[in-house]
C-alpha atoms as a PDB file:
ATOM      1  CA  UNK A   1      85.282  69.529 126.031  1.00  0.00           C
ATOM      2  CA  UNK A   2      85.412  65.752 125.564  1.00  0.00           C
ATOM      3  CA  UNK A   3      81.604  65.591 125.689  1.00  0.00           C
ATOM      4  CA  UNK A   4      81.341  68.221 122.943  1.00  0.00           C
ATOM      5  CA  UNK A   5      83.835  66.322 120.805  1.00  0.00           C
ATOM      6  CA  UNK A   6      81.950  63.062 121.389  1.00  0.00           C
ATOM      7  CA  UNK A   7      78.662  64.773 120.409  1.00  0.00           C
ATOM      8  CA  UNK A   8      80.326  66.162 117.257  1.00  0.00           C
ATOM      9  CA  UNK A   9      81.695  62.756 116.216  1.00  0.00           C
ATOM     10  CA  UNK A  10      78.420  60.981 116.856  1.00  0.00           C
ATOM     11  CA  UNK A  11      76.395  63.331 114.652  1.00  0.00           C
ATOM     12  CA  UNK A  12      74.947  61.563 111.654  1.00  0.00           C
ATOM     13  CA  UNK A  13      76.637  63.748 109.049  1.00  0.00           C
ATOM     14  CA  UNK A  14      80.138  63.047 110.369  1.00  0.00           C
ATOM     15  CA  UNK A  15      79.566  59.290 110.432  1.00  0.00           C
ATOM     16  CA  UNK A  16      78.038  59.372 106.938  1.00  0.00           C
ATOM     17  CA  UNK A  17      80.987  61.364 105.641  1.00  0.00           C
ATOM     18  CA  UNK A  18      83.482  58.924 107.185  1.00  0.00           C
ATOM     19  CA  UNK A  19      81.707  55.974 105.595  1.00  0.00           C
ATOM     20  CA  UNK A  20      81.656  57.819 102.265  1.00  0.00           C
ATOM     21  CA  UNK A  21      85.389  58.509 102.396  1.00  0.00           C
ATOM     22  CA  UNK A  22      86.191  54.875 103.218  1.00  0.00           C
ATOM     23  CA  UNK A  23      83.931  53.540 100.469  1.00  0.00           C
ATOM     24  CA  UNK A  24      85.266  56.143  98.043  1.00  0.00           C
ATOM     25  CA  UNK A  25      88.824  54.974  98.664  1.00  0.00           C
ATOM     26  CA  UNK A  26      87.853  51.355  98.052  1.00  0.00           C
ATOM     27  CA  UNK A  27      85.835  52.303  94.971  1.00  0.00           C
ATOM     28  CA  UNK A  28      88.799  54.222  93.569  1.00  0.00           C
ATOM     29  CA  UNK A  29      90.974  51.096  93.798  1.00  0.00           C
ATOM     30  CA  UNK A  30      88.362  49.103  91.903  1.00  0.00           C
ATOM     31  CA  UNK A  31      88.047  51.776  89.197  1.00  0.00           C
ATOM     32  CA  UNK A  32      91.831  52.080  88.864  1.00  0.00           C
ATOM     33  CA  UNK A  33      92.122  48.335  88.407  1.00  0.00           C
ATOM     34  CA  UNK A  34      89.269  48.340  85.893  1.00  0.00           C
ATOM     35  CA  UNK A  35      90.959  51.125  83.922  1.00  0.00           C
ATOM     36  CA  UNK A  36      94.472  49.656  83.996  1.00  0.00           C
ATOM     37  CA  UNK A  37      93.578  45.965  83.681  1.00  0.00           C
ATOM     38  CA  UNK A  38      90.364  45.867  81.636  1.00  0.00           C
ATOM     39  CA  UNK A  39      89.820  49.070  79.644  1.00  0.00           C
ATOM     40  CA  UNK A  40      93.343  50.166  78.667  1.00  0.00           C
ATOM     41  CA  UNK A  41      94.692  46.848  77.261  1.00  0.00           C
ATOM     42  CA  UNK A  42      92.064  46.635  74.472  1.00  0.00           C
ATOM     43  CA  UNK A  43      92.477  50.348  73.702  1.00  0.00           C
ATOM     44  CA  UNK A  44      96.239  49.867  73.557  1.00  0.00           C
ATOM     45  CA  UNK A  45      95.784  46.865  71.271  1.00  0.00           C
ATOM     46  CA  UNK A  46      93.523  48.847  68.940  1.00  0.00           C
ATOM     47  CA  UNK A  47      96.122  51.629  68.806  1.00  0.00           C
ATOM     48  CA  UNK A  48      98.961  49.299  67.836  1.00  0.00           C
ATOM     49  CA  UNK A  49      99.825  47.504  71.081  1.00  0.00           C
ATOM     50  CA  UNK A  50     100.473  50.702  73.026  1.00  0.00           C
ATOM     51  CA  UNK A  51     100.891  50.358  76.804  1.00  0.00           C
ATOM     52  CA  UNK A  52      99.692  53.727  78.094  1.00  0.00           C
ATOM     53  CA  UNK A  53     101.318  53.249  81.507  1.00  0.00           C
ATOM     54  CA  UNK A  54     104.695  53.062  79.761  1.00  0.00           C
ATOM     55  CA  UNK A  55     104.350  56.258  77.733  1.00  0.00           C
ATOM     56  CA  UNK A  56     106.740  58.959  78.886  1.00  0.00           C
ATOM     57  CA  UNK A  57     109.026  61.727  77.718  1.00  0.00           C
ATOM     58  CA  UNK A  58     112.634  61.301  78.759  1.00  0.00           C
ATOM     59  CA  UNK A  59     114.101  64.647  79.837  1.00  0.00           C
ATOM     60  CA  UNK A  60     117.687  63.394  79.944  1.00  0.00           C
ATOM     61  CA  UNK A  61     120.160  62.645  77.173  1.00  0.00           C
ATOM     62  CA  UNK A  62     120.240  58.933  78.077  1.00  0.00           C
ATOM     63  CA  UNK A  63     118.126  56.262  76.360  1.00  0.00           C
ATOM     64  CA  UNK A  64     115.955  53.744  78.208  1.00  0.00           C
ATOM     65  CA  UNK A  65     113.810  50.854  76.973  1.00  0.00           C
ATOM     66  CA  UNK A  66     110.913  51.641  79.286  1.00  0.00           C
ATOM     67  CA  UNK A  67     109.701  53.872  82.102  1.00  0.00           C
ATOM     68  CA  UNK A  68     110.772  51.447  84.815  1.00  0.00           C
ATOM     69  CA  UNK A  69     114.396  51.641  83.652  1.00  0.00           C
ATOM     70  CA  UNK A  70     114.262  55.432  83.484  1.00  0.00           C
ATOM     71  CA  UNK A  71     112.812  55.641  87.013  1.00  0.00           C
ATOM     72  CA  UNK A  72     115.420  53.198  88.316  1.00  0.00           C
ATOM     73  CA  UNK A  73     118.157  55.392  86.854  1.00  0.00           C
ATOM     74  CA  UNK A  74     116.556  58.410  88.512  1.00  0.00           C
ATOM     75  CA  UNK A  75     116.274  60.503  85.366  1.00  0.00           C
ATOM     76  CA  UNK A  76     113.524  63.109  85.069  1.00  0.00           C
ATOM     77  CA  UNK A  77     110.543  62.011  82.981  1.00  0.00           C
ATOM     78  CA  UNK A  78     107.124  63.328  82.041  1.00  0.00           C
ATOM     79  CA  UNK A  79     104.817  60.335  82.549  1.00  0.00           C
ATOM     80  CA  UNK A  80     101.924  61.289  80.297  1.00  0.00           C
ATOM     81  CA  UNK A  81     100.695  57.690  79.961  1.00  0.00           C
ATOM     82  CA  UNK A  82     100.104  57.466  83.706  1.00  0.00           C
ATOM     83  CA  UNK A  83      98.321  60.815  83.463  1.00  0.00           C
ATOM     84  CA  UNK A  84      96.045  59.451  80.715  1.00  0.00           C
ATOM     85  CA  UNK A  85      95.172  56.510  82.971  1.00  0.00           C
ATOM     86  CA  UNK A  86      94.444  58.961  85.815  1.00  0.00           C
ATOM     87  CA  UNK A  87      92.137  61.029  83.623  1.00  0.00           C
ATOM     88  CA  UNK A  88      90.254  57.889  82.565  1.00  0.00           C
ATOM     89  CA  UNK A  89      89.984  56.825  86.222  1.00  0.00           C
ATOM     90  CA  UNK A  90      88.496  60.215  87.073  1.00  0.00           C
ATOM     91  CA  UNK A  91      85.999  60.090  84.209  1.00  0.00           C
ATOM     92  CA  UNK A  92      84.854  56.597  85.180  1.00  0.00           C
ATOM     93  CA  UNK A  93      84.446  57.575  88.843  1.00  0.00           C
ATOM     94  CA  UNK A  94      82.619  60.785  87.896  1.00  0.00           C
ATOM     95  CA  UNK A  95      80.247  58.870  85.610  1.00  0.00           C
ATOM     96  CA  UNK A  96      79.608  56.213  88.266  1.00  0.00           C
ATOM     97  CA  UNK A  97      78.851  58.875  90.888  1.00  0.00           C
ATOM     98  CA  UNK A  98      76.554  60.662  88.430  1.00  0.00           C
ATOM     99  CA  UNK A  99      74.659  57.427  87.755  1.00  0.00           C
ATOM    100  CA  UNK A 100      74.430  56.692  91.488  1.00  0.00           C
ATOM    101  CA  UNK A 101      73.059  60.180  92.223  1.00  0.00           C
ATOM    102  CA  UNK A 102      70.590  59.798  89.376  1.00  0.00           C
ATOM    103  CA  UNK A 103      69.332  56.497  90.810  1.00  0.00           C
ATOM    104  CA  UNK A 104      69.031  57.969  94.317  1.00  0.00           C
ATOM    105  CA  UNK A 105      67.182  61.015  92.964  1.00  0.00           C
ATOM    106  CA  UNK A 106      64.815  58.804  90.978  1.00  0.00           C
ATOM    107  CA  UNK A 107      64.093  56.739  94.088  1.00  0.00           C
ATOM    108  CA  UNK A 108      63.453  59.857  96.178  1.00  0.00           C
ATOM    109  CA  UNK A 109      61.442  61.633  93.472  1.00  0.00           C
ATOM    110  CA  UNK A 110      63.841  64.595  93.187  1.00  0.00           C
ATOM    111  CA  UNK A 111      65.655  65.640  89.987  1.00  0.00           C
ATOM    112  CA  UNK A 112      69.309  64.510  89.945  1.00  0.00           C
ATOM    113  CA  UNK A 113      70.477  67.520  87.994  1.00  0.00           C
ATOM    114  CA  UNK A 114      68.534  70.721  87.693  1.00  0.00           C
ATOM    115  CA  UNK A 115      67.930  71.951  84.176  1.00  0.00           C
ATOM    116  CA  UNK A 116      69.905  75.073  83.221  1.00  0.00           C
ATOM    117  CA  UNK A 117      67.894  78.291  83.335  1.00  0.00           C
END
């Protein structure tokens, strides 16, 4: 049984997948930082100095100056600003993966995306 498991782990696809997952996790951190630290501040400035990560809906009857205070008090909130950042992270990662697949397909001579029929 151990030999079968060893053979399974040593297959090329499993190793490639493991490397992909590790690199994907690291890439996600870079994209999240790019979104939060580079892209969102200018967008927030253009929209009147809005900090998207601090946008939330307070579901209690208490008033708080920011999301950190509301979280510290333990009140329920809907953190739609953090969600907006998450959506932007996803779109950036999806676009980067699309561009990577396009470059790989071009190098291999295969179409990256098949045309709709």
